[in-house]
Amino acid sequence: MNPILKNILAVVASIAGGMILHMAILFAGIPFMPEGIEPMDATSLSENMHRFTPINYAFPLLAHGLGTLLSGYLAALIAATHKMKFAIATGIFWLLGGISNAFEIDAPLWFDIMDIGLAYIPMALLGAKWAIKK
């Protein structure tokens, strides 16, 4: 396969795979949400953050981190060249989404710091290192 096409496939497939895992984890956390919160509505989430328990923060953090980890892994595994660069690119994609999310949902500052600082670039790098070792 042409290396350029393979690299494009690496980015598209890795982001798609990460999104599937991300959404599966988020949906798994819905039963743990307090009554009356609409989990797909940013306004509802922001207005009810005070009702969240630690498990309500764990699912989004896991979804963001593991989705990015899988994306970084798949990008490095599939890419023909520049494996680490493509993994970092997927991490940047997820990071931009996380920053956008931090502005949209009024989560506690500690959560935003953990999420933005740990769940994106470090996880994409870790996924890439695992794939490259393989």
C-alpha atoms as a PDB file:
ATOM      1  CA  MET A   1       0.000   0.000   0.000  1.00  0.00           C
ATOM      2  CA  ASN A   2       1.160   3.530  -0.751  1.00  0.00           C
ATOM      3  CA  PRO A   3       2.814   4.940   2.446  1.00  0.00           C
ATOM      4  CA  ILE A   4       0.872   8.216   2.204  1.00  0.00           C
ATOM      5  CA  LEU A   5      -2.458   6.398   1.981  1.00  0.00           C
ATOM      6  CA  LYS A   6      -1.406   4.110   4.825  1.00  0.00           C
ATOM      7  CA  ASN A   7      -0.546   7.119   6.992  1.00  0.00           C
ATOM      8  CA  ILE A   8      -3.900   8.759   6.230  1.00  0.00           C
ATOM      9  CA  LEU A   9      -5.628   5.486   7.070  1.00  0.00           C
ATOM     10  CA  ALA A  10      -3.642   5.332  10.317  1.00  0.00           C
ATOM     11  CA  VAL A  11      -4.978   8.701  11.465  1.00  0.00           C
ATOM     12  CA  VAL A  12      -8.579   8.107  10.390  1.00  0.00           C
ATOM     13  CA  ALA A  13      -8.763   4.542  11.751  1.00  0.00           C
ATOM     14  CA  SER A  14      -7.045   5.426  15.014  1.00  0.00           C
ATOM     15  CA  ILE A  15      -9.378   8.336  15.734  1.00  0.00           C
ATOM     16  CA  ALA A  16     -12.430   6.232  14.813  1.00  0.00           C
ATOM     17  CA  GLY A  17     -11.271   3.397  17.068  1.00  0.00           C
ATOM     18  CA  GLY A  18     -10.588   5.804  19.919  1.00  0.00           C
ATOM     19  CA  MET A  19     -14.023   7.397  19.510  1.00  0.00           C
ATOM     20  CA  ILE A  20     -15.763   4.026  19.665  1.00  0.00           C
ATOM     21  CA  LEU A  21     -13.971   3.126  22.904  1.00  0.00           C
ATOM     22  CA  HIS A  22     -14.535   6.636  24.290  1.00  0.00           C
ATOM     23  CA  MET A  23     -18.285   6.514  23.699  1.00  0.00           C
ATOM     24  CA  ALA A  24     -18.580   2.942  25.025  1.00  0.00           C
ATOM     25  CA  ILE A  25     -16.975   3.983  28.326  1.00  0.00           C
ATOM     26  CA  LEU A  26     -19.116   7.120  28.588  1.00  0.00           C
ATOM     27  CA  PHE A  27     -22.290   5.122  27.938  1.00  0.00           C
ATOM     28  CA  ALA A  28     -21.203   2.564  30.545  1.00  0.00           C
ATOM     29  CA  GLY A  29     -21.124   5.405  33.095  1.00  0.00           C
ATOM     30  CA  ILE A  30     -24.671   6.655  32.407  1.00  0.00           C
ATOM     31  CA  PRO A  31     -26.355   4.298  34.920  1.00  0.00           C
ATOM     32  CA  PHE A  32     -24.224   5.852  37.671  1.00  0.00           C
ATOM     33  CA  MET A  33     -25.430   9.409  36.948  1.00  0.00           C
ATOM     34  CA  PRO A  34     -27.588  11.102  39.562  1.00  0.00           C
ATOM     35  CA  GLU A  35     -31.347  11.172  38.808  1.00  0.00           C
ATOM     36  CA  GLY A  36     -32.567  13.853  36.451  1.00  0.00           C
ATOM     37  CA  ILE A  37     -29.294  14.630  34.688  1.00  0.00           C
ATOM     38  CA  GLU A  38     -29.282  14.490  30.906  1.00  0.00           C
ATOM     39  CA  PRO A  39     -25.763  13.139  30.160  1.00  0.00           C
ATOM     40  CA  MET A  40     -25.722  14.364  26.543  1.00  0.00           C
ATOM     41  CA  ASP A  41     -26.613  17.951  27.479  1.00  0.00           C
ATOM     42  CA  ALA A  42     -23.711  20.203  28.502  1.00  0.00           C
ATOM     43  CA  THR A  43     -26.031  22.618  30.314  1.00  0.00           C
ATOM     44  CA  SER A  44     -27.564  19.807  32.380  1.00  0.00           C
ATOM     45  CA  LEU A  45     -24.102  18.504  33.251  1.00  0.00           C
ATOM     46  CA  SER A  46     -22.795  21.948  34.233  1.00  0.00           C
ATOM     47  CA  GLU A  47     -25.817  22.725  36.399  1.00  0.00           C
ATOM     48  CA  ASN A  48     -25.604  19.409  38.241  1.00  0.00           C
ATOM     49  CA  MET A  49     -21.842  19.035  38.740  1.00  0.00           C
ATOM     50  CA  HIS A  50     -22.344  19.604  42.474  1.00  0.00           C
ATOM     51  CA  ARG A  51     -24.276  16.301  42.610  1.00  0.00           C
ATOM     52  CA  PHE A  52     -21.488  14.238  41.076  1.00  0.00           C
ATOM     53  CA  THR A  53     -19.681  11.557  43.055  1.00  0.00           C
ATOM     54  CA  PRO A  54     -16.156  10.280  42.299  1.00  0.00           C
ATOM     55  CA  ILE A  55     -17.493   7.590  39.940  1.00  0.00           C
ATOM     56  CA  ASN A  56     -19.149  10.292  37.829  1.00  0.00           C
ATOM     57  CA  TYR A  57     -15.719  11.832  37.259  1.00  0.00           C
ATOM     58  CA  ALA A  58     -13.985   8.478  36.748  1.00  0.00           C
ATOM     59  CA  PHE A  59     -15.902   7.471  33.626  1.00  0.00           C
ATOM     60  CA  PRO A  60     -15.138  10.616  31.586  1.00  0.00           C
ATOM     61  CA  LEU A  61     -11.504  10.571  32.681  1.00  0.00           C
ATOM     62  CA  LEU A  62     -11.191   6.906  31.700  1.00  0.00           C
ATOM     63  CA  ALA A  63     -13.023   7.519  28.420  1.00  0.00           C
ATOM     64  CA  HIS A  64     -10.743  10.400  27.485  1.00  0.00           C
ATOM     65  CA  GLY A  65      -7.546   8.658  28.540  1.00  0.00           C
ATOM     66  CA  LEU A  66      -8.258   5.207  27.137  1.00  0.00           C
ATOM     67  CA  GLY A  67      -9.742   6.569  23.899  1.00  0.00           C
ATOM     68  CA  THR A  68      -6.562   8.587  23.353  1.00  0.00           C
ATOM     69  CA  LEU A  69      -4.342   5.661  24.375  1.00  0.00           C
ATOM     70  CA  LEU A  70      -6.023   3.445  21.781  1.00  0.00           C
ATOM     71  CA  SER A  71      -5.767   6.178  19.136  1.00  0.00           C
ATOM     72  CA  GLY A  72      -2.052   6.633  19.765  1.00  0.00           C
ATOM     73  CA  TYR A  73      -1.502   2.883  19.712  1.00  0.00           C
ATOM     74  CA  LEU A  74      -3.419   2.349  16.477  1.00  0.00           C
ATOM     75  CA  ALA A  75      -1.813   5.343  14.753  1.00  0.00           C
ATOM     76  CA  ALA A  76       1.686   4.077  15.532  1.00  0.00           C
ATOM     77  CA  LEU A  77       0.757   0.505  14.672  1.00  0.00           C
ATOM     78  CA  ILE A  78      -0.792   1.320  11.276  1.00  0.00           C
ATOM     79  CA  ALA A  79       1.385   4.231  10.082  1.00  0.00           C
ATOM     80  CA  ALA A  80       4.012   3.401   7.478  1.00  0.00           C
ATOM     81  CA  THR A  81       6.405   6.174   8.545  1.00  0.00           C
ATOM     82  CA  HIS A  82       6.740   8.753  11.328  1.00  0.00           C
ATOM     83  CA  LYS A  83       4.796   6.553  13.740  1.00  0.00           C
ATOM     84  CA  MET A  84       5.350   8.745  16.801  1.00  0.00           C
ATOM     85  CA  LYS A  85       4.359  11.914  14.925  1.00  0.00           C
ATOM     86  CA  PHE A  86       1.059  10.417  13.843  1.00  0.00           C
ATOM     87  CA  ALA A  87       0.355   9.210  17.377  1.00  0.00           C
ATOM     88  CA  ILE A  88       1.057  12.699  18.722  1.00  0.00           C
ATOM     89  CA  ALA A  89      -1.246  14.144  16.050  1.00  0.00           C
ATOM     90  CA  THR A  90      -4.081  11.976  17.361  1.00  0.00           C
ATOM     91  CA  GLY A  91      -3.243  13.126  20.892  1.00  0.00           C
ATOM     92  CA  ILE A  92      -3.481  16.746  19.740  1.00  0.00           C
ATOM     93  CA  PHE A  93      -6.844  16.002  18.109  1.00  0.00           C
ATOM     94  CA  TRP A  94      -8.147  14.625  21.418  1.00  0.00           C
ATOM     95  CA  LEU A  95      -6.520  17.466  23.385  1.00  0.00           C
ATOM     96  CA  LEU A  96      -8.367  20.069  21.316  1.00  0.00           C
ATOM     97  CA  GLY A  97     -11.618  18.234  22.051  1.00  0.00           C
ATOM     98  CA  GLY A  98     -10.773  18.162  25.750  1.00  0.00           C
ATOM     99  CA  ILE A  99     -10.031  21.880  25.842  1.00  0.00           C
ATOM    100  CA  SER A 100     -13.298  22.573  24.048  1.00  0.00           C
ATOM    101  CA  ASN A 101     -15.092  20.355  26.547  1.00  0.00           C
ATOM    102  CA  ALA A 102     -13.489  22.210  29.470  1.00  0.00           C
ATOM    103  CA  PHE A 103     -14.930  25.484  28.172  1.00  0.00           C
ATOM    104  CA  GLU A 104     -18.349  23.982  27.475  1.00  0.00           C
ATOM    105  CA  ILE A 105     -18.911  22.050  30.720  1.00  0.00           C
ATOM    106  CA  ASP A 106     -18.342  23.802  34.031  1.00  0.00           C
ATOM    107  CA  ALA A 107     -16.420  20.973  35.729  1.00  0.00           C
ATOM    108  CA  PRO A 108     -14.234  21.559  38.792  1.00  0.00           C
ATOM    109  CA  LEU A 109     -10.790  22.970  38.059  1.00  0.00           C
ATOM    110  CA  TRP A 110      -9.027  19.889  39.460  1.00  0.00           C
ATOM    111  CA  PHE A 111     -10.866  17.694  36.946  1.00  0.00           C
ATOM    112  CA  ASP A 112     -10.018  19.958  34.004  1.00  0.00           C
ATOM    113  CA  ILE A 113      -6.340  20.015  35.030  1.00  0.00           C
ATOM    114  CA  MET A 114      -6.188  16.221  35.380  1.00  0.00           C
ATOM    115  CA  ASP A 115      -8.097  15.670  32.173  1.00  0.00           C
ATOM    116  CA  ILE A 116      -6.121  18.080  30.001  1.00  0.00           C
ATOM    117  CA  GLY A 117      -2.773  17.293  31.630  1.00  0.00           C
ATOM    118  CA  LEU A 118      -2.946  13.497  31.762  1.00  0.00           C
ATOM    119  CA  ALA A 119      -5.565  12.117  29.409  1.00  0.00           C
ATOM    120  CA  TYR A 120      -4.346  13.280  26.027  1.00  0.00           C
ATOM    121  CA  ILE A 121      -0.704  13.787  24.996  1.00  0.00           C
ATOM    122  CA  PRO A 122       0.780  11.471  27.663  1.00  0.00           C
ATOM    123  CA  MET A 123      -1.684   8.702  26.783  1.00  0.00           C
ATOM    124  CA  ALA A 124      -1.085   9.078  23.026  1.00  0.00           C
ATOM    125  CA  LEU A 125       2.670   8.827  23.669  1.00  0.00           C
ATOM    126  CA  LEU A 126       2.222   5.756  25.873  1.00  0.00           C
ATOM    127  CA  GLY A 127       0.055   4.051  23.241  1.00  0.00           C
ATOM    128  CA  ALA A 128       2.623   4.814  20.561  1.00  0.00           C
ATOM    129  CA  LYS A 129       5.488   3.465  22.668  1.00  0.00           C
ATOM    130  CA  TRP A 130       3.571   0.215  23.214  1.00  0.00           C
ATOM    131  CA  ALA A 131       2.870  -0.129  19.491  1.00  0.00           C
ATOM    132  CA  ILE A 132       6.453   0.650  18.459  1.00  0.00           C
ATOM    133  CA  LYS A 133       7.857  -1.893  20.941  1.00  0.00           C
ATOM    134  CA  LYS A 134       5.634  -4.567  19.438  1.00  0.00           C
END
